[in-house]
C-alpha cells in the first residue's frame, strides 16, 4: 500500500488539516502518514488560537517517517514558524522525486493568522524553488506574488509569477471571486479553467480537501491537467453534499460521508428493484387503490423527501398485472416519503412503506398474525388542515403515532369526502414489506 504524508496543523473539528488530509488519502486508496506542525484550536465557527508544535519533536517525526516509511507523495499545509519551514525544506531535499502539493495556508477564514511573516518569507525562498505544485487562494496568491489578485487576469499573472519562483504548477482557487468561482491551473505553458456555480454555503477546509485530492491523483500518475480536473470534479461533489455539525457555523465535507451516502443510495434502489420483481410476481392487483400503489424506501438518515426513493408515476394495474412506469428514484413520491418520514421520527428503523386499497379481510388477517394495526381517524381533522395541501397526511400520521408506543405494521383509514380509504403497510425494508404482504394477503 502506498503512503501519502500530510505535514499540516491539527483541526479538532476535523474539517481541515491533518485529519481531513488523512480522510481524503484513505478515500483515494492510500495509507495516510502525518507530521503535526501546530494545534489549530477551532470549531465550526472559526479559529481561536494557533499553538505551533515544538520544532525538535516535529523534526524527529519527519526523520522517523523518512527512515521507516516509503512516502509516495507529500501534502504541505500550515507551516506556522521558521523552524517548521526550515525542517520541511530539508526534508523535501532529502526525499526528492515524489509529488509535493503545497497549500500555502496564511490566514483562517475568520482572519486569524496561521503563518508568521518570517515563515512565509522562508517558504517563498526555500520551499518554492523545490518545485511543488502550489494551490493558493486569491489572497494567498496575492501575498506570495506581491500583487493584488481580485480577477481572472490577475490570477493568471500571479500564477506566472509563482511558477517563475519555482513552483512546478500553480492552481489559483477563485472561491472569493465576485460571481461564480473559477479555479485556474497554470502548468508553465497553458492555462486551464474550471468553473462551477456558487453554492449558498460557507464550507470549511476547501483548500485542504482540494490540495489533498490533487496530490492523490498526481500520485496515481495523472498528468497535472487531468489531476486538476479530477480533483475539481470530486470537489464539486463534496461541496454539494456538505453539511453542518448541528450548531451553525461553517459547512463541512467528508469523503467518507459521501461514499457511504452513495453506497446507501445504491443499496436502497437495488432493494426496491428486488422488491418490485417479487411484487410483480405476486400481482396483488386487487389491492391497487384508485390513486394507484407505490413502494418507498428511505436512506437510514433520511430527513427530507429527496432522501426517500419510490417509483415515479406510481404502480398501476392492467390486465391482471402490475405496471411499473419507471425505475425507482429518490424524491419520486412526496406522499410515500412523508409517510415513511413520519414513522422514522419515532421509529428510525422503519424505512419502507407500501400503500394499498382498504380491505377488511386483509386487516383481519394482519391482526390474527399479531401485527400492530392502527386506525387513523380522518373525522377529527381540523378544517384548516383539511383545506391545506399536504397538511392532512402529516396531521393524520402524527395523531395515530402519538396514540401508541408500538411500532406499527399497518396504519389505515376509512377515508372521507375526496379521500380514498387506504392501508399503509410499514416495515424495515422492502423485502420485509413483501413478506408481510404475503402473510396478510393469503
Protein backbone atom coordinates (compact mmCIF):
# COMPACT_ATOMS: atom_id res chain seq x y z
CA UNK A 1 0.00 0.00 0.00
CA UNK A 2 1.36 3.38 -0.99
CA UNK A 3 1.53 6.08 1.68
CA UNK A 4 0.96 9.83 1.44
CA UNK A 5 2.31 12.23 4.06
CA UNK A 6 0.43 15.25 5.37
CA UNK A 7 2.56 17.94 7.04
CA UNK A 8 -0.06 20.25 8.48
CA UNK A 9 -1.93 21.52 11.53
CA UNK A 10 -4.41 19.62 13.65
CA UNK A 11 -8.02 20.89 13.44
CA UNK A 12 -10.09 19.43 16.32
CA UNK A 13 -13.29 19.82 14.28
CA UNK A 14 -11.81 17.62 11.52
CA UNK A 15 -12.77 20.00 8.76
CA UNK A 16 -9.24 20.78 7.60
CA UNK A 17 -5.61 19.98 8.26
CA UNK A 18 -4.25 16.58 9.18
CA UNK A 19 -7.48 14.73 9.88
CA UNK A 20 -9.06 15.95 6.66
CA UNK A 21 -5.99 15.09 4.60
CA UNK A 22 -5.88 11.58 6.05
CA UNK A 23 -9.56 11.09 5.29
CA UNK A 24 -9.07 12.14 1.67
CA UNK A 25 -5.99 9.94 1.32
CA UNK A 26 -7.92 6.92 2.61
CA UNK A 27 -10.84 7.75 0.31
CA UNK A 28 -8.47 7.59 -2.66
CA UNK A 29 -6.94 4.29 -1.55
CA UNK A 30 -3.75 5.46 0.20
CA UNK A 31 -2.38 4.98 3.70
CA UNK A 32 -2.02 8.31 5.43
CA UNK A 33 1.04 9.46 7.40
CA UNK A 34 1.23 12.77 9.21
CA UNK A 35 3.55 15.20 10.92
CA UNK A 36 1.81 17.83 13.03
CA UNK A 37 3.02 21.42 12.71
CA UNK A 38 0.51 23.10 15.04
CA UNK A 39 -2.60 22.67 17.10
CA UNK A 40 -5.17 24.92 15.44
CA UNK A 41 -7.77 25.44 18.16
CA UNK A 42 -11.08 25.86 16.38
CA UNK A 43 -14.63 24.71 15.98
CA UNK A 44 -17.33 25.15 13.34
CA UNK A 45 -17.36 28.90 13.94
CA UNK A 46 -13.68 29.57 13.31
CA UNK A 47 -10.13 29.56 14.63
CA UNK A 48 -9.49 30.81 18.17
CA UNK A 49 -5.78 30.20 18.58
CA UNK A 50 -2.76 28.57 16.92
CA UNK A 51 -0.18 26.69 19.02
CA UNK A 52 2.91 25.63 17.00
CA UNK A 53 4.36 22.20 17.73
CA UNK A 54 7.89 22.05 19.11
CA UNK A 55 10.50 22.12 16.34
CA UNK A 56 12.52 19.33 18.00
CA UNK A 57 9.55 16.96 18.12
CA UNK A 58 8.48 17.95 14.62
CA UNK A 59 11.98 17.28 13.26
CA UNK A 60 12.11 13.88 14.97
CA UNK A 61 8.76 12.96 13.43
CA UNK A 62 9.99 13.80 9.92
CA UNK A 63 13.23 11.89 10.50
CA UNK A 64 11.43 8.74 11.64
CA UNK A 65 8.94 8.87 8.79
CA UNK A 66 11.75 9.32 6.28
CA UNK A 67 13.76 6.42 7.72
CA UNK A 68 10.93 3.96 8.30
CA UNK A 69 8.35 4.69 5.56
CA UNK A 70 8.14 4.72 1.80
CA UNK A 71 6.46 8.02 1.00
CA UNK A 72 4.74 8.30 -2.39
CA UNK A 73 3.63 11.92 -2.10
CA UNK A 74 3.64 14.87 0.30
CA UNK A 75 0.98 17.47 1.10
CA UNK A 76 2.04 20.66 2.91
CA UNK A 77 -0.43 22.75 4.89
CA UNK A 78 0.04 25.16 7.80
CA UNK A 79 3.71 25.92 8.50
CA UNK A 80 3.42 28.41 11.37
CA UNK A 81 7.05 29.25 12.10
CA UNK A 82 10.51 29.49 10.62
CA UNK A 83 11.61 26.29 12.35
CA UNK A 84 8.95 24.20 10.65
CA UNK A 85 9.69 25.74 7.24
CA UNK A 86 13.42 25.09 7.64
CA UNK A 87 12.88 21.44 8.54
CA UNK A 88 10.35 20.91 5.75
CA UNK A 89 12.78 22.36 3.20
CA UNK A 90 15.49 19.98 4.45
CA UNK A 91 13.09 17.05 4.38
CA UNK A 92 11.92 17.79 0.82
CA UNK A 93 15.52 17.98 -0.34
CA UNK A 94 16.13 14.50 1.10
CA UNK A 95 13.01 12.89 -0.44
CA UNK A 96 13.12 14.41 -3.92
CA UNK A 97 11.31 12.61 -6.72
CA UNK A 98 7.80 12.35 -5.26
CA UNK A 99 4.89 14.72 -5.98
CA UNK A 100 4.56 17.57 -3.49
CA UNK A 101 1.48 19.79 -3.20
CA UNK A 102 1.74 22.97 -1.15
CA UNK A 103 -1.44 24.57 0.19
CA UNK A 104 0.05 27.85 1.50
CA UNK A 105 -2.34 28.47 4.37
CA UNK A 106 -1.68 32.00 5.61
CA UNK A 107 -4.92 33.03 7.35
CA UNK A 108 -8.04 31.25 8.51
CA UNK A 109 -11.47 32.18 7.13
CA UNK A 110 -12.07 34.45 10.12
CA UNK A 111 -8.79 36.30 9.54
CA UNK A 112 -6.68 34.58 12.21
CA UNK A 113 -3.01 34.47 11.15
CA UNK A 114 -1.72 30.91 10.77
CA UNK A 115 1.75 31.52 9.29
CA UNK A 116 4.19 34.16 10.54
CA UNK A 117 5.62 36.68 8.10
CA UNK A 118 9.13 35.30 8.72
CA UNK A 119 7.95 31.75 7.97
CA UNK A 120 6.19 32.97 4.85
CA UNK A 121 9.34 34.66 3.59
CA UNK A 122 11.35 31.46 4.06
CA UNK A 123 8.60 29.40 2.42
CA UNK A 124 8.96 31.51 -0.73
CA UNK A 125 12.76 31.41 -0.72
CA UNK A 126 13.34 27.80 0.41
CA UNK A 127 10.31 25.66 -0.50
CA UNK A 128 9.00 27.17 -3.73
CA UNK A 129 12.33 26.62 -5.54
CA UNK A 130 12.00 22.88 -4.81
CA UNK A 131 9.18 22.68 -7.37
CA UNK A 132 5.94 21.84 -5.54
CA UNK A 133 2.52 22.19 -7.10
CA UNK A 134 1.07 25.16 -5.20
CA UNK A 135 -2.66 25.85 -4.60
CA UNK A 136 -3.16 29.37 -3.19
CA UNK A 137 -6.49 31.16 -2.97
CA UNK A 138 -6.78 34.74 -4.20
CA UNK A 139 -5.45 36.29 -1.00
CA UNK A 140 -2.57 33.82 -0.70
CA UNK A 141 -1.66 34.24 -4.37
CA UNK A 142 -1.53 37.98 -3.82
CA UNK A 143 0.70 37.76 -0.76
CA UNK A 144 3.08 35.26 -2.37
CA UNK A 145 3.32 37.04 -5.72
CA UNK A 146 3.36 40.57 -4.29
CA UNK A 147 0.35 41.86 -6.22
CA UNK A 148 -3.40 42.34 -5.82
CA UNK A 149 -5.38 39.35 -7.10
CA UNK A 150 -9.10 40.01 -7.50
CA UNK A 151 -10.00 38.87 -11.01
CA UNK A 152 -9.09 36.30 -13.63
CA UNK A 153 -6.38 38.36 -15.39
CA UNK A 154 -4.66 38.96 -12.04
CA UNK A 155 -4.95 35.23 -11.26
CA UNK A 156 -3.07 34.47 -14.47
CA UNK A 157 -0.34 36.98 -13.67
CA UNK A 158 0.13 35.69 -10.12
CA UNK A 159 0.27 32.11 -11.41
CA UNK A 160 3.02 33.07 -13.86
CA UNK A 161 4.93 34.84 -11.07
CA UNK A 162 4.74 31.84 -8.71
CA UNK A 163 5.80 29.47 -11.48
CA UNK A 164 8.79 31.74 -12.16
CA UNK A 165 9.73 31.46 -8.47
CA UNK A 166 9.99 27.69 -8.73
CA UNK A 167 6.52 26.16 -8.47
CA UNK A 168 6.11 23.24 -10.85
CA UNK A 169 2.46 24.12 -11.48
CA UNK A 170 0.10 26.64 -9.91
CA UNK A 171 -3.61 26.34 -9.14
CA UNK A 172 -5.14 29.64 -8.04
CA UNK A 173 -8.51 28.88 -6.48
CA UNK A 174 -11.16 31.53 -7.14
CA UNK A 175 -13.70 30.89 -4.45
CA UNK A 176 -13.52 34.55 -3.40
CA UNK A 177 -14.09 35.96 -6.88
CA UNK A 178 -17.20 38.06 -7.46
CA UNK A 179 -19.85 35.90 -9.12
CA UNK A 180 -19.34 32.18 -9.71
CA UNK A 181 -15.99 30.66 -8.68
CA UNK A 182 -13.30 29.96 -11.27
CA UNK A 183 -10.20 27.91 -10.44
CA UNK A 184 -7.17 28.37 -12.68
CA UNK A 185 -4.33 25.93 -13.42
CA UNK A 186 -1.05 27.10 -14.96
CA UNK A 187 1.36 24.28 -15.81
CA UNK A 188 4.10 26.55 -17.10
CA UNK A 189 2.74 26.57 -20.64
CA UNK A 190 -1.04 26.70 -20.72
CA UNK A 191 -3.92 27.82 -18.54
CA UNK A 192 -6.88 25.57 -17.70
CA UNK A 193 -10.04 26.91 -16.06
CA UNK A 194 -12.64 25.08 -14.01
CA UNK A 195 -15.93 26.86 -13.36
CA UNK A 196 -18.73 25.89 -11.00
CA UNK A 197 -21.89 27.51 -9.71
CA UNK A 198 -21.55 29.24 -6.36
CA UNK A 199 -23.32 27.42 -3.55
CA UNK A 200 -25.12 29.37 -0.79
CA UNK A 201 -22.89 27.90 1.93
CA UNK A 202 -19.57 28.73 3.59
CA UNK A 203 -17.59 25.48 3.58
CA UNK A 204 -14.64 24.89 5.89
CA UNK A 205 -11.42 23.28 4.67
CA UNK A 206 -11.96 23.52 0.91
CA UNK A 207 -8.31 24.37 0.25
CA UNK A 208 -7.12 21.41 2.30
CA UNK A 209 -9.50 18.98 0.63
CA UNK A 210 -8.72 20.17 -2.89
CA UNK A 211 -4.94 20.02 -2.43
CA UNK A 212 -5.15 16.55 -0.85
CA UNK A 213 -7.28 15.34 -3.77
CA UNK A 214 -4.85 16.85 -6.24
CA UNK A 215 -1.91 15.07 -4.59
CA UNK A 216 -3.75 11.74 -4.70
CA UNK A 217 -4.43 11.98 -8.42
CA UNK A 218 -0.85 13.06 -9.14
CA UNK A 219 0.46 10.03 -7.24
CA UNK A 220 -1.95 7.85 -9.24
CA UNK A 221 0.01 9.04 -12.25
CA UNK A 222 -2.40 11.56 -13.74
CA UNK A 223 -0.84 14.39 -15.75
CA UNK A 224 -1.26 17.64 -13.84
CA UNK A 225 -4.13 18.93 -16.04
CA UNK A 226 -6.02 15.64 -15.61
CA UNK A 227 -5.32 15.58 -11.88
CA UNK A 228 -6.63 19.15 -11.65
CA UNK A 229 -9.83 18.20 -13.48
CA UNK A 230 -10.37 15.04 -11.42
CA UNK A 231 -9.82 16.92 -8.15
CA UNK A 232 -12.22 19.68 -9.20
CA UNK A 233 -14.90 17.20 -10.20
CA UNK A 234 -14.67 15.36 -6.87
CA UNK A 235 -14.55 18.70 -5.04
CA UNK A 236 -17.84 19.75 -6.64
CA UNK A 237 -19.47 16.52 -5.46
CA UNK A 238 -18.22 17.10 -1.93
CA UNK A 239 -19.40 20.72 -1.85
CA UNK A 240 -22.89 19.73 -2.97
CA UNK A 241 -23.01 17.11 -0.20
CA UNK A 242 -21.63 19.44 2.53
CA UNK A 243 -23.32 19.58 5.93
CA UNK A 244 -23.30 21.42 9.24
CA UNK A 245 -22.42 19.94 12.61
CA UNK A 246 -25.65 20.99 14.29
CA UNK A 247 -24.99 24.36 15.96
CA UNK A 248 -24.46 26.63 12.99
CA UNK A 249 -21.17 27.87 11.63
CA UNK A 250 -19.29 26.56 8.62
CA UNK A 251 -20.35 23.62 6.49
CA UNK A 252 -18.10 20.54 6.30
CA UNK A 253 -17.26 17.99 3.62
CA UNK A 254 -16.43 14.32 4.00
CA UNK A 255 -15.21 11.69 1.56
CA UNK A 256 -16.45 9.04 3.98
CA UNK A 257 -19.92 10.51 4.30
CA UNK A 258 -20.16 10.99 0.53
CA UNK A 259 -19.04 7.42 -0.17
CA UNK A 260 -21.35 5.98 2.46
CA UNK A 261 -24.27 8.00 1.12
CA UNK A 262 -23.59 6.81 -2.42
CA UNK A 263 -23.39 3.21 -1.25
CA UNK A 264 -26.60 3.55 0.77
CA UNK A 265 -28.41 5.14 -2.18
CA UNK A 266 -27.34 2.30 -4.43
CA UNK A 267 -28.48 -0.26 -1.88
CA UNK A 268 -31.85 1.47 -1.41
CA UNK A 269 -32.54 1.48 -5.15
CA UNK A 270 -31.42 -2.13 -5.56
CA UNK A 271 -33.66 -3.22 -2.67
CA UNK A 272 -36.62 -1.54 -4.37
CA UNK A 273 -35.81 -3.22 -7.69
CA UNK A 274 -35.65 -6.62 -5.99
CA UNK A 275 -38.94 -5.98 -4.20
CA UNK A 276 -40.56 -4.82 -7.45
CA UNK A 277 -39.71 -8.12 -9.11
CA UNK A 278 -41.30 -10.04 -6.25
CA UNK A 279 -44.31 -7.72 -6.14
CA UNK A 280 -44.83 -8.18 -9.88
CA UNK A 281 -44.79 -11.95 -9.34
CA UNK A 282 -47.39 -11.72 -6.60
CA UNK A 283 -49.51 -9.37 -8.75
CA UNK A 284 -51.84 -8.10 -5.97
CA UNK A 285 -53.92 -6.14 -8.48
CA UNK A 286 -57.00 -6.34 -6.25
CA UNK A 287 -55.15 -4.20 -3.69
CA UNK A 288 -54.15 -1.40 -6.07
CA UNK A 289 -56.12 1.69 -4.99
CA UNK A 290 -57.72 4.18 -7.37
CA UNK A 291 -54.82 6.56 -6.63
CA UNK A 292 -52.53 3.64 -7.53
CA UNK A 293 -49.89 1.93 -5.46
CA UNK A 294 -46.37 2.94 -4.50
CA UNK A 295 -43.50 1.39 -2.60
CA UNK A 296 -40.93 3.61 -0.88
CA UNK A 297 -37.65 3.06 0.94
CA UNK A 298 -35.66 5.70 2.83
CA UNK A 299 -31.98 6.22 3.49
CA UNK A 300 -31.06 5.36 7.11
CA UNK A 301 -30.60 9.03 7.97
CA UNK A 302 -33.45 10.39 5.83
CA UNK A 303 -35.00 13.67 6.91
CA UNK A 304 -36.28 15.03 3.60
CA UNK A 305 -38.49 13.81 0.76
CA UNK A 306 -35.48 13.72 -1.57
CA UNK A 307 -33.86 11.09 0.66
CA UNK A 308 -36.68 8.59 0.13
CA UNK A 309 -36.86 6.55 -3.07
CA UNK A 310 -40.05 5.29 -4.71
CA UNK A 311 -41.44 4.54 -8.19
CA UNK A 312 -42.10 7.57 -10.42
CA UNK A 313 -45.65 7.70 -11.73
CA UNK A 314 -46.73 5.16 -9.08
CA UNK A 315 -47.56 1.49 -9.66
CA UNK A 316 -50.72 0.78 -11.63
CA UNK A 317 -52.59 -2.35 -12.69
CA UNK A 318 -53.71 -3.59 -16.09
CA UNK A 319 -54.92 -6.94 -17.38
CA UNK A 320 -54.12 -8.75 -14.17
CA UNK A 321 -50.60 -7.48 -13.71
CA UNK A 322 -48.81 -4.57 -12.04
CA UNK A 323 -47.46 -1.75 -14.18
CA UNK A 324 -44.20 -0.06 -13.11
CA UNK A 325 -43.77 3.07 -15.22
CA UNK A 326 -40.12 3.78 -14.39
CA UNK A 327 -37.16 2.61 -12.34
CA UNK A 328 -37.16 3.69 -8.65
CA UNK A 329 -35.74 7.13 -7.94
CA UNK A 330 -35.16 9.40 -4.98
CA UNK A 331 -37.78 12.09 -4.49
CA UNK A 332 -40.25 10.29 -6.77
CA UNK A 333 -43.16 10.30 -4.31
CA UNK A 334 -43.80 13.02 -1.75
CA UNK A 335 -46.80 11.08 -0.41
CA UNK A 336 -44.98 7.84 0.41
CA UNK A 337 -41.88 9.74 1.56
CA UNK A 338 -43.86 11.74 4.10
CA UNK A 339 -45.47 8.59 5.43
CA UNK A 340 -42.08 6.98 5.97
CA UNK A 341 -40.51 10.11 7.45
CA UNK A 342 -43.39 10.44 9.91
CA UNK A 343 -42.77 6.93 11.23
CA UNK A 344 -38.97 7.31 11.18
CA UNK A 345 -39.13 10.29 13.52
CA UNK A 346 -40.30 7.90 16.24
CA UNK A 347 -39.03 4.56 14.91
CA UNK A 348 -35.97 5.24 12.71
CA UNK A 349 -35.55 1.58 11.79
CA UNK A 350 -38.89 1.58 9.91
CA UNK A 351 -37.85 2.81 6.48
CA UNK A 352 -40.24 1.17 3.97
CA UNK A 353 -43.91 1.63 3.11
CA UNK A 354 -46.43 0.24 0.60
CA UNK A 355 -49.88 1.76 0.18
CA UNK A 356 -52.87 -0.49 -0.59
CA UNK A 357 -56.61 -0.15 -1.01
CA UNK A 358 -58.66 -0.77 2.13
CA UNK A 359 -59.55 -4.46 2.59
CA UNK A 360 -61.27 -5.66 5.75
CA UNK A 361 -60.15 -9.27 5.22
CA UNK A 362 -56.56 -8.12 4.98
CA UNK A 363 -56.85 -6.18 8.25
CA UNK A 364 -58.36 -9.23 9.97
CA UNK A 365 -55.51 -11.47 8.78
CA UNK A 366 -52.98 -8.87 9.94
CA UNK A 367 -54.48 -8.82 13.44
CA UNK A 368 -54.58 -12.62 13.53
CA UNK A 369 -50.89 -12.70 12.59
CA UNK A 370 -50.12 -10.46 15.56
CA UNK A 371 -49.32 -7.35 13.55
CA UNK A 372 -49.78 -3.92 15.10
CA UNK A 373 -52.71 -2.37 13.24
CA UNK A 374 -53.56 1.27 13.95
CA UNK A 375 -56.52 3.23 12.62
CA UNK A 376 -56.22 6.88 11.68
CA UNK A 377 -59.45 8.79 12.12
CA UNK A 378 -59.92 11.46 9.47
CA UNK A 379 -63.08 12.81 11.09
CA UNK A 380 -61.02 14.64 13.70
CA UNK A 381 -59.04 16.72 11.23
CA UNK A 382 -59.37 20.49 11.79
CA UNK A 383 -60.79 22.44 8.85
CA UNK A 384 -57.56 24.36 8.30
CA UNK A 385 -55.68 21.06 7.99
CA UNK A 386 -58.18 19.60 5.52
CA UNK A 387 -58.05 22.72 3.39
CA UNK A 388 -54.25 22.93 3.19
CA UNK A 389 -52.49 20.76 0.63
CA UNK A 390 -50.05 18.35 2.28
CA UNK A 391 -51.05 19.01 5.89
CA UNK A 392 -53.72 16.34 6.09
CA UNK A 393 -51.39 13.38 5.72
CA UNK A 394 -48.85 14.76 8.20
CA UNK A 395 -51.56 15.52 10.76
CA UNK A 396 -53.09 12.07 10.33
CA UNK A 397 -49.81 10.24 10.88
CA UNK A 398 -48.81 12.40 13.83
CA UNK A 399 -52.11 11.72 15.57
CA UNK A 400 -52.05 7.97 15.10
CA UNK A 401 -48.38 7.54 16.01
CA UNK A 402 -48.80 9.63 19.15
CA UNK A 403 -51.62 7.32 20.24
CA UNK A 404 -49.43 4.22 20.53
CA UNK A 405 -45.87 3.47 21.62
CA UNK A 406 -45.88 0.33 19.49
CA UNK A 407 -44.19 0.17 16.11
CA UNK A 408 -46.98 -0.01 13.51
CA UNK A 409 -47.11 -2.68 10.84
CA UNK A 410 -50.25 -1.13 9.35
CA UNK A 411 -51.84 2.29 9.54
CA UNK A 412 -55.20 2.55 7.79
CA UNK A 413 -58.05 4.99 7.45
CA UNK A 414 -61.60 4.71 6.17
CA UNK A 415 -61.38 7.80 4.03
CA UNK A 416 -63.60 10.85 3.85
CA UNK A 417 -65.04 13.12 1.20
CA UNK A 418 -62.41 13.29 -1.53
CA UNK A 419 -60.11 10.92 0.35
CA UNK A 420 -59.87 7.26 -0.65
CA UNK A 421 -59.74 4.66 2.16
CA UNK A 422 -56.21 3.25 2.29
CA UNK A 423 -53.90 0.83 4.06
CA UNK A 424 -50.24 1.70 4.61
CA UNK A 425 -48.02 -1.30 5.23
CA UNK A 426 -44.75 -0.48 7.04
CA UNK A 427 -41.54 -2.48 7.52
CA UNK A 428 -37.80 -2.11 7.94
CA UNK A 429 -37.04 -2.95 4.30
CA UNK A 430 -38.91 -3.51 1.00
CA UNK A 431 -38.12 -7.21 1.31
CA UNK A 432 -39.88 -7.30 4.68
CA UNK A 433 -42.81 -5.44 3.12
CA UNK A 434 -43.18 -8.26 0.59
CA UNK A 435 -43.07 -10.91 3.32
CA UNK A 436 -45.75 -9.09 5.32
CA UNK A 437 -47.88 -8.72 2.20
CA UNK A 438 -47.70 -12.47 1.59
CA UNK A 439 -48.96 -13.10 5.14
CA UNK A 440 -51.88 -10.67 5.09
CA UNK A 441 -52.94 -11.50 1.52
CA UNK A 442 -53.01 -15.30 1.88
